[in-house]
Amino acid sequence: MKHQNIYKASSSGYTEALEGIFRKTLVFGENSLLTEFILKKGKILPRHRHPQEQVGYLVAGHIILHIGDEPYDIWPGDSWAILGDVEHSADILEDSVAIEIFSPVREDYLP
C-alpha cells in the first residue's frame, strides 16, 4: 500500500472544465483531493452541487462566491467551507487562483 503521494509543481496538466475555468488535481489520498483552479475574469461558475464537502482558499484575484442563497465577497487570503449537497456558484470578477480540497475524493477529478 502506498503511504504518500507527492506533487511536484508544474505548469502543465490543466483541464478546461468550463470556458475560462481550468482545473488541475494536485494530489489525492484515500479520503481527500487537492485541486487548483485558474479562473478567468468575467466567467461564471454555474450553480451546482455534489456530495463532497469542499473547503477552499483564494490565492489571488477576486470572486463572489454564492453558497446556498448567500453571496460572499472573496479576496486573497479568504477561505470557505461548503457542505456536501449544498448548491453553490461563483462570479469571477478578476483573474483568480483558488485551491480547494474535496472530501471524500471526487472520482471525476482523478488524473
PDB file of N, CA and C in Angstrom:
ATOM      1  N   MET A   1       0.842  -1.183   0.000  1.00  0.00           N
ATOM      2  CA  MET A   1       0.000   0.000   0.000  1.00  0.00           C
ATOM      3  C   MET A   1       0.886   1.244   0.000  1.00  0.00           C
ATOM      4  N   LYS A   2       0.578   2.169  -0.857  1.00  0.00           N
ATOM      5  CA  LYS A   2       1.330   3.419  -0.938  1.00  0.00           C
ATOM      6  C   LYS A   2       0.931   4.317   0.224  1.00  0.00           C
ATOM      7  N   HIS A   3       1.915   4.889   0.933  1.00  0.00           N
ATOM      8  CA  HIS A   3       1.638   5.680   2.126  1.00  0.00           C
ATOM      9  C   HIS A   3       1.660   7.182   1.879  1.00  0.00           C
ATOM     10  N   GLN A   4       2.064   7.607   0.691  1.00  0.00           N
ATOM     11  CA  GLN A   4       2.108   9.040   0.420  1.00  0.00           C
ATOM     12  C   GLN A   4       2.071   9.297  -1.066  1.00  0.00           C
ATOM     13  N   ASN A   5       1.600  10.465  -1.414  1.00  0.00           N
ATOM     14  CA  ASN A   5       1.665  10.982  -2.775  1.00  0.00           C
ATOM     15  C   ASN A   5       2.354  12.324  -2.688  1.00  0.00           C
ATOM     16  N   ILE A   6       3.249  12.581  -3.590  1.00  0.00           N
ATOM     17  CA  ILE A   6       3.956  13.854  -3.641  1.00  0.00           C
ATOM     18  C   ILE A   6       3.655  14.491  -4.986  1.00  0.00           C
ATOM     19  N   TYR A   7       3.310  15.777  -4.954  1.00  0.00           N
ATOM     20  CA  TYR A   7       3.086  16.528  -6.182  1.00  0.00           C
ATOM     21  C   TYR A   7       4.238  17.494  -6.365  1.00  0.00           C
ATOM     22  N   LYS A   8       4.876  17.461  -7.508  1.00  0.00           N
ATOM     23  CA  LYS A   8       5.929  18.406  -7.851  1.00  0.00           C
ATOM     24  C   LYS A   8       5.326  19.462  -8.770  1.00  0.00           C
ATOM     25  N   ALA A   9       5.566  20.719  -8.462  1.00  0.00           N
ATOM     26  CA  ALA A   9       4.984  21.839  -9.208  1.00  0.00           C
ATOM     27  C   ALA A   9       5.260  21.728 -10.700  1.00  0.00           C
ATOM     28  N   SER A  10       4.242  22.053 -11.495  1.00  0.00           N
ATOM     29  CA  SER A  10       4.338  22.003 -12.947  1.00  0.00           C
ATOM     30  C   SER A  10       3.278  22.920 -13.536  1.00  0.00           C
ATOM     31  N   SER A  11       3.606  23.545 -14.657  1.00  0.00           N
ATOM     32  CA  SER A  11       2.616  24.417 -15.315  1.00  0.00           C
ATOM     33  C   SER A  11       1.737  23.632 -16.283  1.00  0.00           C
ATOM     34  N   SER A  12       1.936  22.327 -16.387  1.00  0.00           N
ATOM     35  CA  SER A  12       1.118  21.515 -17.289  1.00  0.00           C
ATOM     36  C   SER A  12       0.068  20.744 -16.492  1.00  0.00           C
ATOM     37  N   GLY A  13      -0.835  20.092 -17.210  1.00  0.00           N
ATOM     38  CA  GLY A  13      -1.806  19.216 -16.581  1.00  0.00           C
ATOM     39  C   GLY A  13      -3.155  19.829 -16.280  1.00  0.00           C
ATOM     40  N   TYR A  14      -3.423  21.046 -16.763  1.00  0.00           N
ATOM     41  CA  TYR A  14      -4.715  21.682 -16.522  1.00  0.00           C
ATOM     42  C   TYR A  14      -5.750  21.183 -17.520  1.00  0.00           C
ATOM     43  N   THR A  15      -6.977  21.049 -17.050  1.00  0.00           N
ATOM     44  CA  THR A  15      -8.122  20.688 -17.874  1.00  0.00           C
ATOM     45  C   THR A  15      -9.071  21.873 -17.883  1.00  0.00           C
ATOM     46  N   GLU A  16      -9.585  22.248 -19.059  1.00  0.00           N
ATOM     47  CA  GLU A  16     -10.578  23.320 -19.112  1.00  0.00           C
ATOM     48  C   GLU A  16     -11.932  22.711 -18.767  1.00  0.00           C
ATOM     49  N   ALA A  17     -12.345  22.905 -17.521  1.00  0.00           N
ATOM     50  CA  ALA A  17     -13.597  22.329 -17.029  1.00  0.00           C
ATOM     51  C   ALA A  17     -14.798  23.008 -17.676  1.00  0.00           C
ATOM     52  N   LEU A  18     -14.733  24.329 -17.771  1.00  0.00           N
ATOM     53  CA  LEU A  18     -15.721  25.157 -18.458  1.00  0.00           C
ATOM     54  C   LEU A  18     -14.936  26.270 -19.132  1.00  0.00           C
ATOM     55  N   GLU A  19     -15.564  26.991 -20.044  1.00  0.00           N
ATOM     56  CA  GLU A  19     -14.840  28.066 -20.722  1.00  0.00           C
ATOM     57  C   GLU A  19     -14.271  29.050 -19.702  1.00  0.00           C
ATOM     58  N   GLY A  20     -12.942  29.207 -19.714  1.00  0.00           N
ATOM     59  CA  GLY A  20     -12.279  30.140 -18.822  1.00  0.00           C
ATOM     60  C   GLY A  20     -12.079  29.651 -17.398  1.00  0.00           C
ATOM     61  N   ILE A  21     -12.404  28.392 -17.137  1.00  0.00           N
ATOM     62  CA  ILE A  21     -12.224  27.800 -15.805  1.00  0.00           C
ATOM     63  C   ILE A  21     -11.395  26.530 -15.972  1.00  0.00           C
ATOM     64  N   PHE A  22     -10.170  26.577 -15.432  1.00  0.00           N
ATOM     65  CA  PHE A  22      -9.216  25.485 -15.600  1.00  0.00           C
ATOM     66  C   PHE A  22      -8.978  24.813 -14.257  1.00  0.00           C
ATOM     67  N   ARG A  23      -8.833  23.492 -14.283  1.00  0.00           N
ATOM     68  CA  ARG A  23      -8.705  22.694 -13.075  1.00  0.00           C
ATOM     69  C   ARG A  23      -7.507  21.761 -13.203  1.00  0.00           C
ATOM     70  N   LYS A  24      -6.780  21.616 -12.100  1.00  0.00           N
ATOM     71  CA  LYS A  24      -5.719  20.605 -12.055  1.00  0.00           C
ATOM     72  C   LYS A  24      -5.723  19.958 -10.675  1.00  0.00           C
ATOM     73  N   THR A  25      -5.842  18.637 -10.643  1.00  0.00           N
ATOM     74  CA  THR A  25      -5.714  17.905  -9.388  1.00  0.00           C
ATOM     75  C   THR A  25      -4.235  17.862  -9.039  1.00  0.00           C
ATOM     76  N   LEU A  26      -3.907  18.359  -7.854  1.00  0.00           N
ATOM     77  CA  LEU A  26      -2.517  18.416  -7.425  1.00  0.00           C
ATOM     78  C   LEU A  26      -2.080  17.121  -6.761  1.00  0.00           C
ATOM     79  N   VAL A  27      -2.902  16.624  -5.830  1.00  0.00           N
ATOM     80  CA  VAL A  27      -2.571  15.405  -5.102  1.00  0.00           C
ATOM     81  C   VAL A  27      -3.854  14.872  -4.469  1.00  0.00           C
ATOM     82  N   PHE A  28      -3.878  13.579  -4.191  1.00  0.00           N
ATOM     83  CA  PHE A  28      -5.045  12.993  -3.541  1.00  0.00           C
ATOM     84  C   PHE A  28      -4.616  11.826  -2.674  1.00  0.00           C
ATOM     85  N   GLY A  29      -5.448  11.540  -1.683  1.00  0.00           N
ATOM     86  CA  GLY A  29      -5.230  10.400  -0.806  1.00  0.00           C
ATOM     87  C   GLY A  29      -6.466   9.523  -0.816  1.00  0.00           C
ATOM     88  N   GLU A  30      -6.640   8.751   0.225  1.00  0.00           N
ATOM     89  CA  GLU A  30      -7.801   7.864   0.294  1.00  0.00           C
ATOM     90  C   GLU A  30      -9.093   8.633   0.545  1.00  0.00           C
ATOM     91  N   ASN A  31      -9.015   9.762   1.272  1.00  0.00           N
ATOM     92  CA  ASN A  31     -10.223  10.452   1.712  1.00  0.00           C
ATOM     93  C   ASN A  31     -10.359  11.891   1.236  1.00  0.00           C
ATOM     94  N   SER A  32      -9.339  12.442   0.604  1.00  0.00           N
ATOM     95  CA  SER A  32      -9.408  13.839   0.184  1.00  0.00           C
ATOM     96  C   SER A  32      -8.599  14.062  -1.090  1.00  0.00           C
ATOM     97  N   LEU A  33      -8.915  15.177  -1.753  1.00  0.00           N
ATOM     98  CA  LEU A  33      -8.296  15.508  -3.033  1.00  0.00           C
ATOM     99  C   LEU A  33      -8.058  17.009  -3.058  1.00  0.00           C
ATOM    100  N   LEU A  34      -6.863  17.445  -3.492  1.00  0.00           N
ATOM    101  CA  LEU A  34      -6.482  18.848  -3.549  1.00  0.00           C
ATOM    102  C   LEU A  34      -6.429  19.294  -5.002  1.00  0.00           C
ATOM    103  N   THR A  35      -7.131  20.387  -5.308  1.00  0.00           N
ATOM    104  CA  THR A  35      -7.255  20.865  -6.683  1.00  0.00           C
ATOM    105  C   THR A  35      -6.928  22.349  -6.759  1.00  0.00           C
ATOM    106  N   GLU A  36      -6.260  22.744  -7.850  1.00  0.00           N
ATOM    107  CA  GLU A  36      -6.023  24.154  -8.129  1.00  0.00           C
ATOM    108  C   GLU A  36      -6.936  24.573  -9.270  1.00  0.00           C
ATOM    109  N   PHE A  37      -7.558  25.736  -9.114  1.00  0.00           N
ATOM    110  CA  PHE A  37      -8.419  26.292 -10.153  1.00  0.00           C
ATOM    111  C   PHE A  37      -7.836  27.616 -10.632  1.00  0.00           C
ATOM    112  N   ILE A  38      -7.772  27.787 -11.944  1.00  0.00           N
ATOM    113  CA  ILE A  38      -7.429  29.061 -12.575  1.00  0.00           C
ATOM    114  C   ILE A  38      -8.742  29.580 -13.167  1.00  0.00           C
ATOM    115  N   LEU A  39      -9.155  30.762 -12.739  1.00  0.00           N
ATOM    116  CA  LEU A  39     -10.463  31.313 -13.091  1.00  0.00           C
ATOM    117  C   LEU A  39     -10.262  32.635 -13.821  1.00  0.00           C
ATOM    118  N   LYS A  40     -10.822  32.751 -15.015  1.00  0.00           N
ATOM    119  CA  LYS A  40     -10.631  33.943 -15.834  1.00  0.00           C
ATOM    120  C   LYS A  40     -11.720  34.984 -15.569  1.00  0.00           C
ATOM    121  N   LYS A  41     -11.298  36.240 -15.534  1.00  0.00           N
ATOM    122  CA  LYS A  41     -12.182  37.377 -15.280  1.00  0.00           C
ATOM    123  C   LYS A  41     -13.405  37.346 -16.203  1.00  0.00           C
ATOM    124  N   GLY A  42     -14.569  37.609 -15.620  1.00  0.00           N
ATOM    125  CA  GLY A  42     -15.807  37.693 -16.381  1.00  0.00           C
ATOM    126  C   GLY A  42     -16.540  36.375 -16.555  1.00  0.00           C
ATOM    127  N   LYS A  43     -15.935  35.269 -16.162  1.00  0.00           N
ATOM    128  CA  LYS A  43     -16.582  33.959 -16.299  1.00  0.00           C
ATOM    129  C   LYS A  43     -17.452  33.677 -15.080  1.00  0.00           C
ATOM    130  N   ILE A  44     -18.367  32.744 -15.241  1.00  0.00           N
ATOM    131  CA  ILE A  44     -19.276  32.350 -14.167  1.00  0.00           C
ATOM    132  C   ILE A  44     -19.190  30.840 -13.992  1.00  0.00           C
ATOM    133  N   LEU A  45     -19.011  30.419 -12.754  1.00  0.00           N
ATOM    134  CA  LEU A  45     -19.136  29.001 -12.422  1.00  0.00           C
ATOM    135  C   LEU A  45     -20.603  28.788 -12.082  1.00  0.00           C
ATOM    136  N   PRO A  46     -21.347  28.065 -12.929  1.00  0.00           N
ATOM    137  CA  PRO A  46     -22.797  27.928 -12.721  1.00  0.00           C
ATOM    138  C   PRO A  46     -23.140  27.206 -11.411  1.00  0.00           C
ATOM    139  N   ARG A  47     -24.365  27.446 -10.934  1.00  0.00           N
ATOM    140  CA  ARG A  47     -24.852  26.762  -9.732  1.00  0.00           C
ATOM    141  C   ARG A  47     -24.775  25.260  -9.942  1.00  0.00           C
ATOM    142  N   HIS A  48     -24.255  24.592  -8.936  1.00  0.00           N
ATOM    143  CA  HIS A  48     -24.147  23.137  -8.988  1.00  0.00           C
ATOM    144  C   HIS A  48     -24.039  22.611  -7.558  1.00  0.00           C
ATOM    145  N   ARG A  49     -24.079  21.328  -7.431  1.00  0.00           N
ATOM    146  CA  ARG A  49     -23.904  20.668  -6.136  1.00  0.00           C
ATOM    147  C   ARG A  49     -23.261  19.314  -6.375  1.00  0.00           C
ATOM    148  N   HIS A  50     -22.630  18.803  -5.360  1.00  0.00           N
ATOM    149  CA  HIS A  50     -22.014  17.475  -5.400  1.00  0.00           C
ATOM    150  C   HIS A  50     -21.982  16.940  -3.979  1.00  0.00           C
ATOM    151  N   PRO A  51     -21.852  15.642  -3.803  1.00  0.00           N
ATOM    152  CA  PRO A  51     -21.913  15.066  -2.449  1.00  0.00           C
ATOM    153  C   PRO A  51     -20.689  15.383  -1.591  1.00  0.00           C
ATOM    154  N   GLN A  52     -19.580  15.765  -2.202  1.00  0.00           N
ATOM    155  CA  GLN A  52     -18.358  16.013  -1.436  1.00  0.00           C
ATOM    156  C   GLN A  52     -18.415  17.350  -0.693  1.00  0.00           C
ATOM    157  N   GLU A  53     -17.865  17.353   0.513  1.00  0.00           N
ATOM    158  CA  GLU A  53     -17.603  18.615   1.203  1.00  0.00           C
ATOM    159  C   GLU A  53     -16.424  19.264   0.494  1.00  0.00           C
ATOM    160  N   GLN A  54     -16.413  20.590   0.466  1.00  0.00           N
ATOM    161  CA  GLN A  54     -15.364  21.310  -0.248  1.00  0.00           C
ATOM    162  C   GLN A  54     -14.920  22.483   0.605  1.00  0.00           C
ATOM    163  N   VAL A  55     -13.622  22.595   0.817  1.00  0.00           N
ATOM    164  CA  VAL A  55     -13.066  23.756   1.509  1.00  0.00           C
ATOM    165  C   VAL A  55     -12.056  24.406   0.575  1.00  0.00           C
ATOM    166  N   GLY A  56     -11.990  25.738   0.606  1.00  0.00           N
ATOM    167  CA  GLY A  56     -11.140  26.427  -0.347  1.00  0.00           C
ATOM    168  C   GLY A  56     -10.459  27.648   0.224  1.00  0.00           C
ATOM    169  N   TYR A  57      -9.507  28.148  -0.561  1.00  0.00           N
ATOM    170  CA  TYR A  57      -8.690  29.303  -0.201  1.00  0.00           C
ATOM    171  C   TYR A  57      -8.400  30.075  -1.479  1.00  0.00           C
ATOM    172  N   LEU A  58      -8.656  31.382  -1.467  1.00  0.00           N
ATOM    173  CA  LEU A  58      -8.361  32.193  -2.644  1.00  0.00           C
ATOM    174  C   LEU A  58      -6.927  32.698  -2.549  1.00  0.00           C
ATOM    175  N   VAL A  59      -6.106  32.265  -3.498  1.00  0.00           N
ATOM    176  CA  VAL A  59      -4.695  32.641  -3.544  1.00  0.00           C
ATOM    177  C   VAL A  59      -4.539  34.025  -4.161  1.00  0.00           C
ATOM    178  N   ALA A  60      -5.281  34.281  -5.245  1.00  0.00           N
ATOM    179  CA  ALA A  60      -5.168  35.546  -5.982  1.00  0.00           C
ATOM    180  C   ALA A  60      -6.489  35.862  -6.643  1.00  0.00           C
ATOM    181  N   GLY A  61      -6.760  37.155  -6.869  1.00  0.00           N
ATOM    182  CA  GLY A  61      -7.940  37.568  -7.617  1.00  0.00           C
ATOM    183  C   GLY A  61      -9.069  38.073  -6.738  1.00  0.00           C
ATOM    184  N   HIS A  62     -10.287  37.943  -7.258  1.00  0.00           N
ATOM    185  CA  HIS A  62     -11.492  38.420  -6.572  1.00  0.00           C
ATOM    186  C   HIS A  62     -12.681  37.687  -7.157  1.00  0.00           C
ATOM    187  N   ILE A  63     -13.481  37.059  -6.317  1.00  0.00           N
ATOM    188  CA  ILE A  63     -14.686  36.357  -6.760  1.00  0.00           C
ATOM    189  C   ILE A  63     -15.838  36.669  -5.818  1.00  0.00           C
ATOM    190  N   ILE A  64     -17.044  36.488  -6.316  1.00  0.00           N
ATOM    191  CA  ILE A  64     -18.235  36.454  -5.467  1.00  0.00           C
ATOM    192  C   ILE A  64     -18.656  34.989  -5.442  1.00  0.00           C
ATOM    193  N   LEU A  65     -18.615  34.402  -4.262  1.00  0.00           N
ATOM    194  CA  LEU A  65     -18.980  33.006  -4.081  1.00  0.00           C
ATOM    195  C   LEU A  65     -20.389  32.958  -3.515  1.00  0.00           C
ATOM    196  N   HIS A  66     -21.275  32.239  -4.194  1.00  0.00           N
ATOM    197  CA  HIS A  66     -22.660  32.083  -3.746  1.00  0.00           C
ATOM    198  C   HIS A  66     -22.782  30.686  -3.130  1.00  0.00           C
ATOM    199  N   ILE A  67     -23.108  30.631  -1.856  1.00  0.00           N
ATOM    200  CA  ILE A  67     -23.315  29.352  -1.163  1.00  0.00           C
ATOM    201  C   ILE A  67     -24.754  29.358  -0.673  1.00  0.00           C
ATOM    202  N   GLY A  68     -25.543  28.406  -1.191  1.00  0.00           N
ATOM    203  CA  GLY A  68     -26.975  28.461  -0.916  1.00  0.00           C
ATOM    204  C   GLY A  68     -27.512  29.753  -1.497  1.00  0.00           C
ATOM    205  N   ASP A  69     -28.200  30.545  -0.687  1.00  0.00           N
ATOM    206  CA  ASP A  69     -28.758  31.827  -1.147  1.00  0.00           C
ATOM    207  C   ASP A  69     -27.896  33.026  -0.758  1.00  0.00           C
ATOM    208  N   GLU A  70     -26.728  32.789  -0.170  1.00  0.00           N
ATOM    209  CA  GLU A  70     -25.894  33.877   0.339  1.00  0.00           C
ATOM    210  C   GLU A  70     -24.702  34.169  -0.570  1.00  0.00           C
ATOM    211  N   PRO A  71     -24.487  35.443  -0.956  1.00  0.00           N
ATOM    212  CA  PRO A  71     -23.278  35.817  -1.690  1.00  0.00           C
ATOM    213  C   PRO A  71     -22.169  36.226  -0.704  1.00  0.00           C
ATOM    214  N   TYR A  72     -20.932  35.862  -1.030  1.00  0.00           N
ATOM    215  CA  TYR A  72     -19.775  36.206  -0.204  1.00  0.00           C
ATOM    216  C   TYR A  72     -18.722  36.844  -1.089  1.00  0.00           C
ATOM    217  N   ASP A  73     -18.236  38.004  -0.685  1.00  0.00           N
ATOM    218  CA  ASP A  73     -17.207  38.733  -1.402  1.00  0.00           C
ATOM    219  C   ASP A  73     -15.849  38.158  -0.977  1.00  0.00           C
ATOM    220  N   ILE A  74     -15.168  37.470  -1.875  1.00  0.00           N
ATOM    221  CA  ILE A  74     -13.963  36.713  -1.526  1.00  0.00           C
ATOM    222  C   ILE A  74     -12.725  37.367  -2.150  1.00  0.00           C
ATOM    223  N   TRP A  75     -11.739  37.638  -1.298  1.00  0.00           N
ATOM    224  CA  TRP A  75     -10.472  38.252  -1.688  1.00  0.00           C
ATOM    225  C   TRP A  75      -9.312  37.323  -1.315  1.00  0.00           C
ATOM    226  N   PRO A  76      -8.115  37.555  -1.849  1.00  0.00           N
ATOM    227  CA  PRO A  76      -6.964  36.703  -1.495  1.00  0.00           C
ATOM    228  C   PRO A  76      -6.795  36.590   0.020  1.00  0.00           C
ATOM    229  N   GLY A  77      -6.577  35.372   0.459  1.00  0.00           N
ATOM    230  CA  GLY A  77      -6.448  35.085   1.888  1.00  0.00           C
ATOM    231  C   GLY A  77      -7.730  34.625   2.535  1.00  0.00           C
ATOM    232  N   ASP A  78      -8.888  34.832   1.865  1.00  0.00           N
ATOM    233  CA  ASP A  78     -10.168  34.358   2.390  1.00  0.00           C
ATOM    234  C   ASP A  78     -10.321  32.867   2.113  1.00  0.00           C
ATOM    235  N   SER A  79     -11.069  32.195   2.972  1.00  0.00           N
ATOM    236  CA  SER A  79     -11.316  30.766   2.793  1.00  0.00           C
ATOM    237  C   SER A  79     -12.781  30.457   3.056  1.00  0.00           C
ATOM    238  N   TRP A  80     -13.204  29.261   2.669  1.00  0.00           N
ATOM    239  CA  TRP A  80     -14.613  28.878   2.774  1.00  0.00           C
ATOM    240  C   TRP A  80     -14.736  27.388   2.973  1.00  0.00           C
ATOM    241  N   ALA A  81     -15.912  26.981   3.428  1.00  0.00           N
ATOM    242  CA  ALA A  81     -16.284  25.568   3.536  1.00  0.00           C
ATOM    243  C   ALA A  81     -17.708  25.435   3.026  1.00  0.00           C
ATOM    244  N   ILE A  82     -17.913  24.461   2.157  1.00  0.00           N
ATOM    245  CA  ILE A  82     -19.229  24.191   1.583  1.00  0.00           C
ATOM    246  C   ILE A  82     -19.556  22.736   1.884  1.00  0.00           C
ATOM    247  N   LEU A  83     -20.613  22.505   2.630  1.00  0.00           N
ATOM    248  CA  LEU A  83     -21.009  21.142   2.953  1.00  0.00           C
ATOM    249  C   LEU A  83     -21.459  20.402   1.692  1.00  0.00           C
ATOM    250  N   GLY A  84     -21.410  19.097   1.722  1.00  0.00           N
ATOM    251  CA  GLY A  84     -21.872  18.289   0.602  1.00  0.00           C
ATOM    252  C   GLY A  84     -23.332  18.556   0.289  1.00  0.00           C
ATOM    253  N   ASP A  85     -23.679  18.504  -0.984  1.00  0.00           N
ATOM    254  CA  ASP A  85     -25.042  18.666  -1.484  1.00  0.00           C
ATOM    255  C   ASP A  85     -25.625  20.061  -1.280  1.00  0.00           C
ATOM    256  N   VAL A  86     -24.784  21.071  -1.045  1.00  0.00           N
ATOM    257  CA  VAL A  86     -25.249  22.457  -0.954  1.00  0.00           C
ATOM    258  C   VAL A  86     -24.948  23.146  -2.280  1.00  0.00           C
ATOM    259  N   GLU A  87     -25.971  23.779  -2.881  1.00  0.00           N
ATOM    260  CA  GLU A  87     -25.765  24.478  -4.153  1.00  0.00           C
ATOM    261  C   GLU A  87     -24.826  25.655  -3.968  1.00  0.00           C
ATOM    262  N   HIS A  88     -23.951  25.847  -4.966  1.00  0.00           N
ATOM    263  CA  HIS A  88     -23.029  26.967  -4.930  1.00  0.00           C
ATOM    264  C   HIS A  88     -22.621  27.347  -6.348  1.00  0.00           C
ATOM    265  N   SER A  89     -22.124  28.584  -6.504  1.00  0.00           N
ATOM    266  CA  SER A  89     -21.677  29.105  -7.793  1.00  0.00           C
ATOM    267  C   SER A  89     -20.681  30.220  -7.514  1.00  0.00           C
ATOM    268  N   ALA A  90     -20.081  30.767  -8.582  1.00  0.00           N
ATOM    269  CA  ALA A  90     -19.135  31.860  -8.395  1.00  0.00           C
ATOM    270  C   ALA A  90     -19.150  32.789  -9.602  1.00  0.00           C
ATOM    271  N   ASP A  91     -19.023  34.074  -9.324  1.00  0.00           N
ATOM    272  CA  ASP A  91     -18.810  35.101 -10.350  1.00  0.00           C
ATOM    273  C   ASP A  91     -17.341  35.494 -10.246  1.00  0.00           C
ATOM    274  N   ILE A  92     -16.612  35.406 -11.345  1.00  0.00           N
ATOM    275  CA  ILE A  92     -15.184  35.689 -11.344  1.00  0.00           C
ATOM    276  C   ILE A  92     -14.989  37.155 -11.741  1.00  0.00           C
ATOM    277  N   LEU A  93     -14.615  37.998 -10.765  1.00  0.00           N
ATOM    278  CA  LEU A  93     -14.505  39.431 -11.002  1.00  0.00           C
ATOM    279  C   LEU A  93     -13.121  39.846 -11.495  1.00  0.00           C
ATOM    280  N   GLU A  94     -12.103  39.060 -11.175  1.00  0.00           N
ATOM    281  CA  GLU A  94     -10.731  39.275 -11.646  1.00  0.00           C
ATOM    282  C   GLU A  94     -10.129  37.911 -11.953  1.00  0.00           C
ATOM    283  N   ASP A  95      -9.085  37.874 -12.791  1.00  0.00           N
ATOM    284  CA  ASP A  95      -8.356  36.616 -12.948  1.00  0.00           C
ATOM    285  C   ASP A  95      -7.991  36.132 -11.550  1.00  0.00           C
ATOM    286  N   SER A  96      -8.277  34.857 -11.265  1.00  0.00           N
ATOM    287  CA  SER A  96      -8.156  34.356  -9.894  1.00  0.00           C
ATOM    288  C   SER A  96      -7.534  32.969  -9.868  1.00  0.00           C
ATOM    289  N   VAL A  97      -6.977  32.625  -8.711  1.00  0.00           N
ATOM    290  CA  VAL A  97      -6.444  31.288  -8.444  1.00  0.00           C
ATOM    291  C   VAL A  97      -7.011  30.843  -7.109  1.00  0.00           C
ATOM    292  N   ALA A  98      -7.619  29.666  -7.090  1.00  0.00           N
ATOM    293  CA  ALA A  98      -8.176  29.103  -5.861  1.00  0.00           C
ATOM    294  C   ALA A  98      -7.645  27.686  -5.671  1.00  0.00           C
ATOM    295  N   ILE A  99      -7.465  27.317  -4.413  1.00  0.00           N
ATOM    296  CA  ILE A  99      -7.077  25.957  -4.041  1.00  0.00           C
ATOM    297  C   ILE A  99      -8.242  25.378  -3.255  1.00  0.00           C
ATOM    298  N   GLU A 100      -8.671  24.155  -3.624  1.00  0.00           N
ATOM    299  CA  GLU A 100      -9.791  23.546  -2.914  1.00  0.00           C
ATOM    300  C   GLU A 100      -9.505  22.082  -2.602  1.00  0.00           C
ATOM    301  N   ILE A 101     -10.041  21.664  -1.466  1.00  0.00           N
ATOM    302  CA  ILE A 101      -9.953  20.274  -1.028  1.00  0.00           C
ATOM    303  C   ILE A 101     -11.363  19.694  -1.053  1.00  0.00           C
ATOM    304  N   PHE A 102     -11.478  18.488  -1.593  1.00  0.00           N
ATOM    305  CA  PHE A 102     -12.754  17.776  -1.647  1.00  0.00           C
ATOM    306  C   PHE A 102     -12.635  16.493  -0.833  1.00  0.00           C
ATOM    307  N   SER A 103     -13.673  16.228  -0.029  1.00  0.00           N
ATOM    308  CA  SER A 103     -13.703  15.002   0.751  1.00  0.00           C
ATOM    309  C   SER A 103     -15.139  14.496   0.819  1.00  0.00           C
ATOM    310  N   PRO A 104     -15.365  13.222   0.500  1.00  0.00           N
ATOM    311  CA  PRO A 104     -14.378  12.262   0.011  1.00  0.00           C
ATOM    312  C   PRO A 104     -13.862  12.655  -1.374  1.00  0.00           C
ATOM    313  N   VAL A 105     -12.947  11.875  -1.883  1.00  0.00           N
ATOM    314  CA  VAL A 105     -12.328  12.133  -3.182  1.00  0.00           C
ATOM    315  C   VAL A 105     -13.386  12.240  -4.273  1.00  0.00           C
ATOM    316  N   ARG A 106     -13.236  13.244  -5.132  1.00  0.00           N
ATOM    317  CA  ARG A 106     -14.084  13.342  -6.329  1.00  0.00           C
ATOM    318  C   ARG A 106     -13.484  12.447  -7.392  1.00  0.00           C
ATOM    319  N   GLU A 107     -14.147  11.350  -7.671  1.00  0.00           N
ATOM    320  CA  GLU A 107     -13.651  10.403  -8.674  1.00  0.00           C
ATOM    321  C   GLU A 107     -13.491  11.078 -10.039  1.00  0.00           C
ATOM    322  N   ASP A 108     -14.385  12.031 -10.372  1.00  0.00           N
ATOM    323  CA  ASP A 108     -14.325  12.690 -11.676  1.00  0.00           C
ATOM    324  C   ASP A 108     -13.130  13.651 -11.785  1.00  0.00           C
ATOM    325  N   TYR A 109     -12.436  13.921 -10.690  1.00  0.00           N
ATOM    326  CA  TYR A 109     -11.255  14.800 -10.705  1.00  0.00           C
ATOM    327  C   TYR A 109      -9.945  14.016 -10.677  1.00  0.00           C
ATOM    328  N   LEU A 110     -10.014  12.706 -10.583  1.00  0.00           N
ATOM    329  CA  LEU A 110      -8.781  11.904 -10.559  1.00  0.00           C
ATOM    330  C   LEU A 110      -8.070  11.990 -11.903  1.00  0.00           C
ATOM    331  N   PRO A 111      -6.739  12.129 -11.873  1.00  0.00           N
ATOM    332  CA  PRO A 111      -5.987  12.214 -13.140  1.00  0.00           C
ATOM    333  C   PRO A 111      -5.997  10.898 -13.900  1.00  0.00           C
TER     334      PRO A 111
END
